[in-house]
Amino acid sequence: MKQWIAGLGLAGSLLLATTAMAQTERSAAPEGSEVYFISPQAGATVESPVTVRMGLSGMGVAPAGTEREGTGHHHLLVDTPLDEVDLDQPLPSSETMRHFGGGQTEVELELEPGEHTLQLLFMDESHMSFDPAVTSEAITITVE
C-alpha cells in the first residue's frame, strides 16, 4: 500500500512538472501581427493622467485565460527596457509592467512629470510572449 501511495505521489509530481513546462512554451504569433500605440504619439508632451490607446493588427484581443488561437491581451512596459524582460516566462505584474487581462485597449495612466518610455507587448492567455514576440516600438513621451 505504501509503495502504491508513493507511486501515486510520483506520478502526480511528474504531471505537475509537465503541466508547468507546457505553460512556459511560447505560442507562435500569426505572421504579420503587430501591436502599436494609437496614442500618445512618440515625442508627445502630455499631462497626467495620460490616455494610452493600444492598437493591434493580425490578431484578436481576448481576456486573460481565454484559450483561443490568434488572441491575447495587452501589456505595457513603463520605463522598463524590453531586454530586462524574460520573454520565456509569464510576465509579472507591477507598476512598471502593466497587465490588461480584461481585454482592455485603453487606460488612463498616472505618471510623474518628466520623460517616460512606453512599450507594448501583446501576450497570450497566460501572460506568455508569443514567438516571435509581438511588441511595439518603444516611445518616449514627456509629462508636464
Protein backbone atom coordinates (compact mmCIF):
# COMPACT_ATOMS: atom_id res chain seq x y z
CA MET A 1 0.00 0.00 0.00
CA LYS A 2 2.85 2.40 0.89
CA GLN A 3 4.51 1.72 -2.50
CA TRP A 4 1.24 2.40 -4.29
CA ILE A 5 0.82 5.74 -2.47
CA ALA A 6 4.46 6.66 -3.17
CA GLY A 7 3.97 5.77 -6.85
CA LEU A 8 0.81 7.86 -6.99
CA GLY A 9 2.69 10.81 -5.44
CA LEU A 10 5.50 10.45 -8.00
CA ALA A 11 3.00 10.31 -10.88
CA GLY A 12 1.28 13.45 -9.56
CA SER A 13 4.60 15.28 -9.29
CA LEU A 14 5.50 14.35 -12.87
CA LEU A 15 2.09 15.53 -14.09
CA LEU A 16 2.51 18.89 -12.32
CA ALA A 17 6.03 19.32 -13.72
CA THR A 18 4.82 18.51 -17.25
CA THR A 19 1.93 20.97 -16.89
CA ALA A 20 4.29 23.71 -15.65
CA MET A 21 6.64 23.09 -18.58
CA ALA A 22 3.75 23.24 -21.06
CA GLN A 23 2.67 26.59 -19.62
CA THR A 24 6.07 28.12 -20.38
CA GLU A 25 6.03 27.16 -24.07
CA ARG A 26 5.59 30.17 -26.31
CA SER A 27 2.81 30.05 -28.90
CA ALA A 28 3.52 31.02 -32.49
CA ALA A 29 2.39 34.52 -33.41
CA PRO A 30 0.42 34.82 -36.65
CA GLU A 31 2.64 36.19 -39.40
CA GLY A 32 2.37 39.95 -39.73
CA SER A 33 0.95 40.51 -36.23
CA GLU A 34 1.60 44.00 -34.95
CA VAL A 35 0.89 45.96 -31.77
CA TYR A 36 1.21 49.74 -31.74
CA PHE A 37 0.29 52.96 -29.94
CA ILE A 38 -2.72 54.83 -31.24
CA SER A 39 -1.93 57.49 -28.65
CA PRO A 40 0.16 59.07 -27.34
CA GLN A 41 2.49 59.61 -30.25
CA ALA A 42 6.27 59.28 -29.85
CA GLY A 43 7.75 62.57 -28.66
CA ALA A 44 4.42 63.93 -27.39
CA THR A 45 4.23 66.30 -24.43
CA VAL A 46 1.18 65.38 -22.32
CA GLU A 47 -0.42 65.94 -18.94
CA SER A 48 -1.11 63.25 -16.38
CA PRO A 49 -3.24 61.21 -16.43
CA VAL A 50 -2.05 60.07 -19.85
CA THR A 51 -4.60 58.32 -22.06
CA VAL A 52 -2.88 55.34 -23.66
CA ARG A 53 -4.74 53.72 -26.58
CA MET A 54 -3.38 50.39 -27.79
CA GLY A 55 -3.78 49.12 -31.34
CA LEU A 56 -3.42 45.65 -32.80
CA SER A 57 -3.47 44.09 -36.26
CA GLY A 58 -3.25 40.45 -37.33
CA MET A 59 -4.64 39.08 -34.06
CA GLY A 60 -7.63 39.46 -31.75
CA VAL A 61 -7.96 40.73 -28.19
CA ALA A 62 -9.39 38.36 -25.56
CA PRO A 63 -9.32 38.41 -21.75
CA ALA A 64 -6.51 36.56 -19.96
CA GLY A 65 -7.32 32.89 -19.54
CA THR A 66 -9.21 32.71 -22.86
CA GLU A 67 -7.61 29.94 -24.91
CA ARG A 68 -8.40 30.92 -28.48
CA GLU A 69 -5.80 30.69 -31.25
CA GLY A 70 -4.59 34.04 -32.53
CA THR A 71 -5.73 36.01 -29.48
CA GLY A 72 -4.11 37.54 -26.43
CA HIS A 73 -4.11 40.71 -24.39
CA HIS A 74 -2.07 43.87 -23.97
CA HIS A 75 0.75 44.59 -21.53
CA LEU A 76 2.52 47.91 -21.11
CA LEU A 77 6.13 48.43 -20.06
CA VAL A 78 6.63 51.76 -18.30
CA ASP A 79 10.25 52.91 -18.07
CA THR A 80 11.33 49.27 -18.44
CA PRO A 81 13.58 48.23 -21.33
CA LEU A 82 12.40 45.14 -23.21
CA ASP A 83 15.79 43.49 -22.77
CA GLU A 84 15.10 43.39 -18.99
CA VAL A 85 12.01 41.20 -19.58
CA ASP A 86 12.31 37.39 -19.67
CA LEU A 87 10.06 36.57 -22.62
CA ASP A 88 10.33 32.85 -21.83
CA GLN A 89 8.42 33.27 -18.56
CA PRO A 90 4.98 34.71 -17.71
CA LEU A 91 5.25 38.48 -17.30
CA PRO A 92 4.98 39.55 -13.65
CA SER A 93 2.55 42.37 -12.89
CA SER A 94 3.87 45.58 -11.35
CA GLU A 95 3.66 49.37 -11.68
CA THR A 96 6.22 49.17 -14.49
CA MET A 97 4.78 46.03 -16.14
CA ARG A 98 1.06 46.68 -16.52
CA HIS A 99 -1.37 43.88 -17.44
CA PHE A 100 -4.65 44.42 -19.26
CA GLY A 101 -6.04 40.94 -18.75
CA GLY A 102 -9.63 42.10 -19.10
CA GLY A 103 -9.02 42.74 -22.79
CA GLN A 104 -8.71 46.50 -22.32
CA THR A 105 -7.35 48.56 -25.20
CA GLU A 106 -7.23 51.91 -23.37
CA VAL A 107 -6.03 53.11 -19.97
CA GLU A 108 -5.65 56.36 -18.02
CA LEU A 109 -2.09 56.22 -16.71
CA GLU A 110 -0.87 58.40 -13.82
CA LEU A 111 2.74 59.37 -14.48
CA GLU A 112 5.07 61.73 -12.64
CA PRO A 113 6.28 64.82 -14.53
CA GLY A 114 9.32 64.12 -16.70
CA GLU A 115 10.37 61.88 -19.55
CA HIS A 116 8.95 58.35 -19.75
CA THR A 117 9.44 55.40 -22.08
CA LEU A 118 6.45 53.21 -23.01
CA GLN A 119 6.39 49.93 -24.93
CA LEU A 120 3.56 47.50 -25.65
CA LEU A 121 3.76 43.71 -25.50
CA PHE A 122 0.93 41.51 -26.71
CA MET A 123 0.86 38.20 -24.85
CA ASP A 124 -1.19 35.02 -24.72
CA GLU A 125 -3.86 33.85 -22.26
CA SER A 126 -1.26 33.02 -19.58
CA HIS A 127 0.84 36.23 -19.92
CA MET A 128 3.45 34.47 -22.05
CA SER A 129 5.11 36.14 -25.01
CA PHE A 130 4.34 34.88 -28.48
CA ASP A 131 7.20 33.58 -30.63
CA PRO A 132 8.29 35.80 -32.20
CA ALA A 133 7.41 38.42 -29.59
CA VAL A 134 4.67 40.85 -30.61
CA THR A 135 5.97 44.22 -29.37
CA SER A 136 5.64 47.84 -30.35
CA GLU A 137 8.47 50.25 -30.84
CA ALA A 138 9.39 51.92 -27.55
CA ILE A 139 8.21 55.52 -27.48
CA THR A 140 9.32 58.39 -25.28
CA ILE A 141 6.86 60.98 -24.01
CA THR A 142 7.20 63.98 -21.71
CA VAL A 143 4.70 64.54 -18.91
CA GLU A 144 4.31 68.15 -17.75
